[in-house]
């Protein structure tokens, strides 16, 4: 049996380890969670140029998301990335033939599952020569509920309830046709980021494991010390 001193040492060891384990598990499982809003980002699109746009769409209902419509600023051309379980449609202005919107529709029984997110990608341009571009979106759920992500930023600078996805455009580098080269650069950047993030998570997990092993060794040492101390008292 452990004496009072050994028990106190044990508590001082186990409580911090348990807290660290909880934080570590939360960071490993929660890392990469999607934002609560539909968002847009790009590593290749420049002001007045072409490139790839990523639209991150989280599911916030208790049923799957089955449709997404995204308005674009009258682009000369747009392509969509093939997505298993989804069909895409390019909407054009009949008068100008410019692309005004892209619609994705889930196949029967498909969609964005509850509590998950999906990334939709388009490639096209030229985008306006300005720093930011709003890409209003309409998200439709299997129960018929629609969410209109189109609200501009509030006058006081705060975020509205359903903000429009806003794309930040980098200054032009003189090449207004990002095309395949831009797509490859973006894929490499995303791969590097994903690799670094994964490595960081696993290193954190290894640290927690080593800490837990150290705690077990410490407990065993205290137990042996307690037994020896108990034996000395009996003697």
C-alpha atoms as a PDB file:
ATOM      1  CA  UNK A   1       0.000   0.000   0.000  1.00  0.00           C
ATOM      2  CA  UNK A   2       1.094   3.589  -0.724  1.00  0.00           C
ATOM      3  CA  UNK A   3       1.611   5.929   2.215  1.00  0.00           C
ATOM      4  CA  UNK A   4       0.198   9.475   2.233  1.00  0.00           C
ATOM      5  CA  UNK A   5       3.368  11.001   0.796  1.00  0.00           C
ATOM      6  CA  UNK A   6       3.400   8.546  -2.109  1.00  0.00           C
ATOM      7  CA  UNK A   7      -0.284   9.192  -2.829  1.00  0.00           C
ATOM      8  CA  UNK A   8       0.368  12.945  -2.991  1.00  0.00           C
ATOM      9  CA  UNK A   9       3.228  12.402  -5.438  1.00  0.00           C
ATOM     10  CA  UNK A  10       0.981  10.157  -7.517  1.00  0.00           C
ATOM     11  CA  UNK A  11      -1.754  12.789  -7.751  1.00  0.00           C
ATOM     12  CA  UNK A  12       0.753  15.453  -8.804  1.00  0.00           C
ATOM     13  CA  UNK A  13       1.914  13.198 -11.648  1.00  0.00           C
ATOM     14  CA  UNK A  14      -1.396  11.840 -12.919  1.00  0.00           C
ATOM     15  CA  UNK A  15      -3.512  15.020 -12.915  1.00  0.00           C
ATOM     16  CA  UNK A  16      -1.281  17.007 -15.338  1.00  0.00           C
ATOM     17  CA  UNK A  17      -0.842  13.937 -17.561  1.00  0.00           C
ATOM     18  CA  UNK A  18      -4.595  13.390 -17.760  1.00  0.00           C
ATOM     19  CA  UNK A  19      -5.184  17.065 -18.596  1.00  0.00           C
ATOM     20  CA  UNK A  20      -2.521  16.991 -21.294  1.00  0.00           C
ATOM     21  CA  UNK A  21      -4.017  13.842 -22.774  1.00  0.00           C
ATOM     22  CA  UNK A  22      -7.460  15.428 -22.991  1.00  0.00           C
ATOM     23  CA  UNK A  23      -6.057  18.538 -24.699  1.00  0.00           C
ATOM     24  CA  UNK A  24      -3.969  16.425 -27.044  1.00  0.00           C
ATOM     25  CA  UNK A  25      -6.858  14.202 -28.082  1.00  0.00           C
ATOM     26  CA  UNK A  26      -9.050  17.246 -28.671  1.00  0.00           C
ATOM     27  CA  UNK A  27      -6.397  18.848 -30.850  1.00  0.00           C
ATOM     28  CA  UNK A  28      -5.891  15.683 -32.866  1.00  0.00           C
ATOM     29  CA  UNK A  29      -9.567  15.040 -33.494  1.00  0.00           C
ATOM     30  CA  UNK A  30     -10.617  18.659 -33.859  1.00  0.00           C
ATOM     31  CA  UNK A  31      -7.782  19.862 -36.092  1.00  0.00           C
ATOM     32  CA  UNK A  32      -8.916  20.668 -39.591  1.00  0.00           C
ATOM     33  CA  UNK A  33     -12.561  21.097 -38.607  1.00  0.00           C
ATOM     34  CA  UNK A  34     -14.450  23.191 -41.125  1.00  0.00           C
ATOM     35  CA  UNK A  35     -15.577  26.693 -40.446  1.00  0.00           C
ATOM     36  CA  UNK A  36     -19.243  27.170 -39.591  1.00  0.00           C
ATOM     37  CA  UNK A  37     -19.660  29.280 -42.737  1.00  0.00           C
ATOM     38  CA  UNK A  38     -19.227  28.632 -46.442  1.00  0.00           C
ATOM     39  CA  UNK A  39     -15.813  30.076 -47.281  1.00  0.00           C
ATOM     40  CA  UNK A  40     -13.720  30.673 -50.408  1.00  0.00           C
ATOM     41  CA  UNK A  41      -9.954  30.696 -50.841  1.00  0.00           C
ATOM     42  CA  UNK A  42      -7.369  30.465 -53.583  1.00  0.00           C
ATOM     43  CA  UNK A  43      -3.603  30.138 -53.861  1.00  0.00           C
ATOM     44  CA  UNK A  44      -3.488  30.872 -57.600  1.00  0.00           C
ATOM     45  CA  UNK A  45      -6.080  33.487 -58.589  1.00  0.00           C
ATOM     46  CA  UNK A  46      -4.709  36.990 -59.109  1.00  0.00           C
ATOM     47  CA  UNK A  47      -6.436  40.302 -59.813  1.00  0.00           C
ATOM     48  CA  UNK A  48      -7.514  40.170 -63.439  1.00  0.00           C
ATOM     49  CA  UNK A  49      -6.232  36.623 -63.799  1.00  0.00           C
ATOM     50  CA  UNK A  50      -7.228  32.970 -63.872  1.00  0.00           C
ATOM     51  CA  UNK A  51      -6.818  30.246 -61.268  1.00  0.00           C
ATOM     52  CA  UNK A  52      -8.441  27.689 -58.980  1.00  0.00           C
ATOM     53  CA  UNK A  53     -10.974  28.615 -56.299  1.00  0.00           C
ATOM     54  CA  UNK A  54     -11.781  26.332 -53.337  1.00  0.00           C
ATOM     55  CA  UNK A  55     -15.209  26.555 -51.731  1.00  0.00           C
ATOM     56  CA  UNK A  56     -15.424  24.903 -48.316  1.00  0.00           C
ATOM     57  CA  UNK A  57     -18.992  23.938 -47.409  1.00  0.00           C
ATOM     58  CA  UNK A  58     -19.837  22.602 -43.917  1.00  0.00           C
ATOM     59  CA  UNK A  59     -23.063  20.775 -43.087  1.00  0.00           C
ATOM     60  CA  UNK A  60     -24.898  22.495 -40.217  1.00  0.00           C
ATOM     61  CA  UNK A  61     -28.219  20.610 -40.348  1.00  0.00           C
ATOM     62  CA  UNK A  62     -29.290  17.134 -39.217  1.00  0.00           C
ATOM     63  CA  UNK A  63     -29.683  16.031 -42.839  1.00  0.00           C
ATOM     64  CA  UNK A  64     -27.206  16.006 -45.765  1.00  0.00           C
ATOM     65  CA  UNK A  65     -26.484  18.985 -47.991  1.00  0.00           C
ATOM     66  CA  UNK A  66     -27.698  18.075 -51.475  1.00  0.00           C
ATOM     67  CA  UNK A  67     -27.110  21.207 -53.554  1.00  0.00           C
ATOM     68  CA  UNK A  68     -24.830  24.226 -53.783  1.00  0.00           C
ATOM     69  CA  UNK A  69     -25.160  27.220 -56.097  1.00  0.00           C
ATOM     70  CA  UNK A  70     -22.327  29.744 -56.248  1.00  0.00           C
ATOM     71  CA  UNK A  71     -22.520  33.024 -58.162  1.00  0.00           C
ATOM     72  CA  UNK A  72     -19.352  34.196 -59.931  1.00  0.00           C
ATOM     73  CA  UNK A  73     -18.529  37.666 -61.328  1.00  0.00           C
ATOM     74  CA  UNK A  74     -19.302  37.138 -65.031  1.00  0.00           C
ATOM     75  CA  UNK A  75     -16.268  35.074 -65.972  1.00  0.00           C
ATOM     76  CA  UNK A  76     -15.245  34.266 -69.536  1.00  0.00           C
ATOM     77  CA  UNK A  77     -14.769  30.609 -68.692  1.00  0.00           C
ATOM     78  CA  UNK A  78     -15.156  28.168 -65.784  1.00  0.00           C
ATOM     79  CA  UNK A  79     -14.380  24.480 -65.315  1.00  0.00           C
ATOM     80  CA  UNK A  80     -15.395  22.274 -62.399  1.00  0.00           C
ATOM     81  CA  UNK A  81     -13.421  19.488 -60.757  1.00  0.00           C
ATOM     82  CA  UNK A  82     -15.046  16.024 -61.031  1.00  0.00           C
ATOM     83  CA  UNK A  83     -16.605  14.983 -57.713  1.00  0.00           C
ATOM     84  CA  UNK A  84     -17.887  11.441 -57.061  1.00  0.00           C
ATOM     85  CA  UNK A  85     -21.569  11.554 -56.134  1.00  0.00           C
ATOM     86  CA  UNK A  86     -22.133  15.044 -57.559  1.00  0.00           C
ATOM     87  CA  UNK A  87     -23.105  16.605 -60.896  1.00  0.00           C
ATOM     88  CA  UNK A  88     -22.140  20.151 -61.842  1.00  0.00           C
ATOM     89  CA  UNK A  89     -23.765  22.684 -64.163  1.00  0.00           C
ATOM     90  CA  UNK A  90     -22.287  25.891 -65.568  1.00  0.00           C
ATOM     91  CA  UNK A  91     -24.821  28.733 -65.814  1.00  0.00           C
ATOM     92  CA  UNK A  92     -24.185  31.376 -68.503  1.00  0.00           C
ATOM     93  CA  UNK A  93     -25.708  34.713 -69.449  1.00  0.00           C
ATOM     94  CA  UNK A  94     -27.492  33.999 -72.777  1.00  0.00           C
ATOM     95  CA  UNK A  95     -26.619  37.438 -74.108  1.00  0.00           C
ATOM     96  CA  UNK A  96     -22.899  37.501 -73.309  1.00  0.00           C
ATOM     97  CA  UNK A  97     -22.074  33.793 -72.820  1.00  0.00           C
ATOM     98  CA  UNK A  98     -20.267  34.774 -69.631  1.00  0.00           C
ATOM     99  CA  UNK A  99     -20.466  32.394 -66.683  1.00  0.00           C
ATOM    100  CA  UNK A 100     -22.644  33.761 -63.884  1.00  0.00           C
ATOM    101  CA  UNK A 101     -23.010  30.751 -61.582  1.00  0.00           C
ATOM    102  CA  UNK A 102     -22.064  27.141 -60.926  1.00  0.00           C
ATOM    103  CA  UNK A 103     -24.503  24.600 -59.479  1.00  0.00           C
ATOM    104  CA  UNK A 104     -23.598  21.271 -57.879  1.00  0.00           C
ATOM    105  CA  UNK A 105     -26.330  18.693 -57.286  1.00  0.00           C
ATOM    106  CA  UNK A 106     -25.814  15.495 -55.294  1.00  0.00           C
ATOM    107  CA  UNK A 107     -26.781  12.147 -56.788  1.00  0.00           C
ATOM    108  CA  UNK A 108     -29.650  10.297 -55.029  1.00  0.00           C
ATOM    109  CA  UNK A 109     -28.510   9.092 -51.626  1.00  0.00           C
ATOM    110  CA  UNK A 110     -25.382  11.269 -51.770  1.00  0.00           C
ATOM    111  CA  UNK A 111     -24.466  14.692 -50.386  1.00  0.00           C
ATOM    112  CA  UNK A 112     -22.454  16.224 -47.562  1.00  0.00           C
ATOM    113  CA  UNK A 113     -23.101  14.022 -44.493  1.00  0.00           C
ATOM    114  CA  UNK A 114     -24.203  15.412 -41.141  1.00  0.00           C
ATOM    115  CA  UNK A 115     -21.317  16.919 -39.197  1.00  0.00           C
ATOM    116  CA  UNK A 116     -18.932  16.879 -42.162  1.00  0.00           C
ATOM    117  CA  UNK A 117     -17.840  19.231 -44.944  1.00  0.00           C
ATOM    118  CA  UNK A 118     -17.004  19.102 -48.632  1.00  0.00           C
ATOM    119  CA  UNK A 119     -14.659  21.130 -50.829  1.00  0.00           C
ATOM    120  CA  UNK A 120     -15.888  22.262 -54.250  1.00  0.00           C
ATOM    121  CA  UNK A 121     -13.351  23.565 -56.767  1.00  0.00           C
ATOM    122  CA  UNK A 122     -13.598  25.620 -59.928  1.00  0.00           C
ATOM    123  CA  UNK A 123     -10.955  26.846 -62.344  1.00  0.00           C
ATOM    124  CA  UNK A 124     -11.532  29.912 -64.484  1.00  0.00           C
ATOM    125  CA  UNK A 125     -11.353  33.661 -64.986  1.00  0.00           C
ATOM    126  CA  UNK A 126     -10.452  36.332 -65.631  1.00  0.00           C
ATOM    127  CA  UNK A 127     -11.454  37.601 -62.202  1.00  0.00           C
ATOM    128  CA  UNK A 128     -12.009  41.325 -61.582  1.00  0.00           C
ATOM    129  CA  UNK A 129      -8.997  43.549 -60.987  1.00  0.00           C
ATOM    130  CA  UNK A 130      -9.784  44.193 -57.340  1.00  0.00           C
ATOM    131  CA  UNK A 131      -8.592  42.956 -53.952  1.00  0.00           C
ATOM    132  CA  UNK A 132     -11.687  40.986 -52.960  1.00  0.00           C
ATOM    133  CA  UNK A 133     -14.616  39.353 -54.746  1.00  0.00           C
ATOM    134  CA  UNK A 134     -17.844  38.108 -53.146  1.00  0.00           C
ATOM    135  CA  UNK A 135     -19.113  34.711 -54.283  1.00  0.00           C
ATOM    136  CA  UNK A 136     -22.689  34.482 -52.912  1.00  0.00           C
ATOM    137  CA  UNK A 137     -23.812  30.900 -52.349  1.00  0.00           C
ATOM    138  CA  UNK A 138     -27.072  29.075 -51.715  1.00  0.00           C
ATOM    139  CA  UNK A 139     -26.843  25.826 -49.759  1.00  0.00           C
ATOM    140  CA  UNK A 140     -29.766  23.397 -49.935  1.00  0.00           C
ATOM    141  CA  UNK A 141     -30.411  20.528 -47.500  1.00  0.00           C
ATOM    142  CA  UNK A 142     -32.274  17.263 -48.038  1.00  0.00           C
ATOM    143  CA  UNK A 143     -35.205  18.529 -45.932  1.00  0.00           C
ATOM    144  CA  UNK A 144     -35.725  21.490 -48.256  1.00  0.00           C
ATOM    145  CA  UNK A 145     -34.084  24.065 -45.990  1.00  0.00           C
ATOM    146  CA  UNK A 146     -31.941  26.598 -47.877  1.00  0.00           C
ATOM    147  CA  UNK A 147     -29.295  28.931 -46.498  1.00  0.00           C
ATOM    148  CA  UNK A 148     -28.459  32.043 -48.506  1.00  0.00           C
ATOM    149  CA  UNK A 149     -24.811  32.927 -47.900  1.00  0.00           C
ATOM    150  CA  UNK A 150     -24.905  36.414 -49.392  1.00  0.00           C
ATOM    151  CA  UNK A 151     -24.807  38.998 -46.611  1.00  0.00           C
ATOM    152  CA  UNK A 152     -22.077  41.681 -46.806  1.00  0.00           C
ATOM    153  CA  UNK A 153     -19.995  42.673 -43.811  1.00  0.00           C
ATOM    154  CA  UNK A 154     -21.887  44.794 -41.276  1.00  0.00           C
ATOM    155  CA  UNK A 155     -21.273  48.550 -41.191  1.00  0.00           C
ATOM    156  CA  UNK A 156     -19.421  48.218 -37.885  1.00  0.00           C
ATOM    157  CA  UNK A 157     -17.089  45.605 -39.355  1.00  0.00           C
ATOM    158  CA  UNK A 158     -18.689  42.663 -37.549  1.00  0.00           C
ATOM    159  CA  UNK A 159     -19.644  39.456 -39.300  1.00  0.00           C
ATOM    160  CA  UNK A 160     -23.284  38.935 -40.355  1.00  0.00           C
ATOM    161  CA  UNK A 161     -25.184  35.720 -39.668  1.00  0.00           C
ATOM    162  CA  UNK A 162     -24.792  34.398 -43.218  1.00  0.00           C
ATOM    163  CA  UNK A 163     -21.792  36.155 -44.794  1.00  0.00           C
ATOM    164  CA  UNK A 164     -21.084  35.784 -48.480  1.00  0.00           C
ATOM    165  CA  UNK A 165     -17.935  33.769 -49.200  1.00  0.00           C
ATOM    166  CA  UNK A 166     -15.273  36.351 -50.023  1.00  0.00           C
ATOM    167  CA  UNK A 167     -12.247  35.594 -52.178  1.00  0.00           C
ATOM    168  CA  UNK A 168      -9.057  37.595 -51.651  1.00  0.00           C
ATOM    169  CA  UNK A 169      -7.147  38.146 -54.904  1.00  0.00           C
ATOM    170  CA  UNK A 170      -3.371  38.526 -54.962  1.00  0.00           C
ATOM    171  CA  UNK A 171      -1.853  41.360 -57.015  1.00  0.00           C
ATOM    172  CA  UNK A 172      -1.214  40.442 -60.628  1.00  0.00           C
ATOM    173  CA  UNK A 173       2.246  39.096 -61.446  1.00  0.00           C
ATOM    174  CA  UNK A 174       1.853  39.833 -65.145  1.00  0.00           C
ATOM    175  CA  UNK A 175       0.609  36.307 -65.955  1.00  0.00           C
ATOM    176  CA  UNK A 176      -3.178  36.448 -66.290  1.00  0.00           C
ATOM    177  CA  UNK A 177      -3.516  32.807 -67.375  1.00  0.00           C
ATOM    178  CA  UNK A 178      -2.794  30.701 -64.298  1.00  0.00           C
ATOM    179  CA  UNK A 179      -4.079  27.532 -65.961  1.00  0.00           C
ATOM    180  CA  UNK A 180      -2.406  24.200 -65.262  1.00  0.00           C
ATOM    181  CA  UNK A 181       0.757  25.771 -63.845  1.00  0.00           C
ATOM    182  CA  UNK A 182      -1.236  27.612 -61.213  1.00  0.00           C
ATOM    183  CA  UNK A 183      -3.192  24.464 -60.408  1.00  0.00           C
ATOM    184  CA  UNK A 184       0.016  22.477 -59.878  1.00  0.00           C
ATOM    185  CA  UNK A 185       1.457  25.186 -57.632  1.00  0.00           C
ATOM    186  CA  UNK A 186      -1.697  25.158 -55.535  1.00  0.00           C
ATOM    187  CA  UNK A 187      -1.732  21.365 -55.277  1.00  0.00           C
ATOM    188  CA  UNK A 188       1.930  21.388 -54.143  1.00  0.00           C
ATOM    189  CA  UNK A 189       1.218  24.095 -51.572  1.00  0.00           C
ATOM    190  CA  UNK A 190      -1.794  22.195 -50.213  1.00  0.00           C
ATOM    191  CA  UNK A 191       0.210  18.959 -50.074  1.00  0.00           C
ATOM    192  CA  UNK A 192       3.062  20.624 -48.160  1.00  0.00           C
ATOM    193  CA  UNK A 193       0.611  22.218 -45.742  1.00  0.00           C
ATOM    194  CA  UNK A 194      -1.223  18.933 -45.187  1.00  0.00           C
ATOM    195  CA  UNK A 195       2.052  17.045 -44.650  1.00  0.00           C
ATOM    196  CA  UNK A 196       3.323  19.599 -42.128  1.00  0.00           C
ATOM    197  CA  UNK A 197       0.017  19.601 -40.261  1.00  0.00           C
ATOM    198  CA  UNK A 198      -0.103  15.803 -40.115  1.00  0.00           C
ATOM    199  CA  UNK A 199       3.492  15.610 -38.891  1.00  0.00           C
ATOM    200  CA  UNK A 200       2.778  18.160 -36.162  1.00  0.00           C
ATOM    201  CA  UNK A 201      -0.241  16.167 -34.958  1.00  0.00           C
ATOM    202  CA  UNK A 202       1.691  12.890 -34.832  1.00  0.00           C
ATOM    203  CA  UNK A 203       4.602  14.504 -32.998  1.00  0.00           C
ATOM    204  CA  UNK A 204       2.107  15.827 -30.461  1.00  0.00           C
ATOM    205  CA  UNK A 205       0.659  12.334 -30.093  1.00  0.00           C
ATOM    206  CA  UNK A 206       4.112  10.822 -29.613  1.00  0.00           C
ATOM    207  CA  UNK A 207       4.828  13.409 -26.920  1.00  0.00           C
ATOM    208  CA  UNK A 208       1.647  12.473 -25.088  1.00  0.00           C
ATOM    209  CA  UNK A 209       2.509   8.766 -25.320  1.00  0.00           C
ATOM    210  CA  UNK A 210       5.989   9.340 -23.910  1.00  0.00           C
ATOM    211  CA  UNK A 211       4.501  11.435 -21.115  1.00  0.00           C
ATOM    212  CA  UNK A 212       2.049   8.660 -20.270  1.00  0.00           C
ATOM    213  CA  UNK A 213       4.857   6.073 -20.219  1.00  0.00           C
ATOM    214  CA  UNK A 214       6.851   8.331 -17.918  1.00  0.00           C
ATOM    215  CA  UNK A 215       3.845   8.608 -15.610  1.00  0.00           C
ATOM    216  CA  UNK A 216       3.484   4.813 -15.469  1.00  0.00           C
ATOM    217  CA  UNK A 217       7.183   4.419 -14.664  1.00  0.00           C
ATOM    218  CA  UNK A 218       6.863   7.077 -11.959  1.00  0.00           C
ATOM    219  CA  UNK A 219       3.845   5.336 -10.440  1.00  0.00           C
ATOM    220  CA  UNK A 220       5.683   2.012 -10.388  1.00  0.00           C
ATOM    221  CA  UNK A 221       8.673   3.633  -8.689  1.00  0.00           C
ATOM    222  CA  UNK A 222       6.464   5.244  -6.079  1.00  0.00           C
ATOM    223  CA  UNK A 223       4.710   1.942  -5.472  1.00  0.00           C
ATOM    224  CA  UNK A 224       8.021   0.158  -4.868  1.00  0.00           C
ATOM    225  CA  UNK A 225       9.175   2.988  -2.622  1.00  0.00           C
ATOM    226  CA  UNK A 226       5.900   2.810  -0.673  1.00  0.00           C
ATOM    227  CA  UNK A 227       6.254  -0.923  -0.190  1.00  0.00           C
ATOM    228  CA  UNK A 228       9.816  -0.532   1.046  1.00  0.00           C
ATOM    229  CA  UNK A 229       8.755   2.260   3.369  1.00  0.00           C
ATOM    230  CA  UNK A 230       5.878   0.127   4.681  1.00  0.00           C
ATOM    231  CA  UNK A 231       8.261  -2.756   5.277  1.00  0.00           C
ATOM    232  CA  UNK A 232      10.630  -0.546   7.243  1.00  0.00           C
ATOM    233  CA  UNK A 233       7.782   0.712   9.440  1.00  0.00           C
ATOM    234  CA  UNK A 234       6.674  -2.857  10.210  1.00  0.00           C
ATOM    235  CA  UNK A 235      10.207  -3.738  11.169  1.00  0.00           C
END
